[in-house]
Amino acid sequence: MRTFRVNHALISVAVGLACGLVFGVLPATAQTAQVAANAAQPPAGGLPAVGLPDPAKPAPANAVDAALTMANMLDGAGGGISNDDLMSALQSGAEAGQPMALWRLGTMYENGEGVAKDDVKAFGYFSQIANDHADAAPRSVDADIVAQSFVKIGEYYREGLPDAGVPVDPVRSEQLILHAATYFGNAEAQYRVGELYLQSPKEPNPLQGARWLSLAAHKGHIAAQAKLGDLLFNGNGLTAQPAEGLMWLTVAHDQSAGTPDEDWVNELLTRDMAIATPDDRAKAVKMADAIEPEFAAMAGQ
């Protein structure tokens, strides 16, 4: 995987976006402008909309209410809906500029879930969210979706998407992810910034990497917890803190059960536990037992 050097000046650029400077995520080309416009259009044939919320009603008060609104929109009868009706509902929501509908469509096209995989359409949906909500309040209902959209677009700029007119642009990729990490405080973005500091081929900075990983780890991000734990245990560029490192690895291991992260997290924990002292192992288990209820509560929210 390609890695890039973190430009420290980008922090100020990202923070500047929070002051109302809309970032211009889409390249300034007629081609990608049309891509974004097409992505927001309903399917040919005008499938009937189902159960859309009344626009005259107040907006949802929190993320739970927003999720419930979307659930009602997609399944008003309580008995499930067809894929055509699902797409119709989501397209109607996207036309209304609803970030949750735009996000769902973006992820569907990104992953080929119920539709043909189409990264150009996915990019268009994620870009619309980011362009329209770059300066949304960090604790607003849609903040997490907006932040994750910045991360998604950052990944597209990291790899490039020629069919959408998106060049390989590591600087813009970093700017987008830094905006999500600094302004929105998004855990996935903070994890990725930590990885950028650690993996920089020219100027790796383990201290800054550990700081960003720690921000994400305290928010329950499994990969950040595991990478931070391994870093602290082995002291790669830092003063080793083996007990604390094993604590984070233990927390990540317990949280990762049944997830795609389970195997590689277990491998790190097993490797480090095998060379840890009995005293460090005992301290780590005690600390993990004390802190894990906090993350269980997060997962239950």
Foldseek 3Di string as FASTA:
>chain_A
DDAAADDPVLLVVLVVLLVPDQDCLAPPDPLLVVLLVVLLAADPPQDDFADQDDPVDDDDPAQVSVVVNVVCRQCVPVPGDDLNNNSNNLSVCVNVVNLVSLLVSLVCLCPVPSHDNDNSSSLSSLVSLSRVCVNPQLRHRCNQSNLVSLQVSLVCLCVDDVSSPRHNDNVSSLSSLSSSCPRNVHLVSLQVVLVNLCPHPPHRDNVSSLVSLVSSVLLPDLVSLLVNLLCQCVVPVHPHDNLSSLLSLVLSQVVCVPHPCNPVSVVSNVVSVVPDDPVSVVSSVVVNVVCNVVSVVSVVD
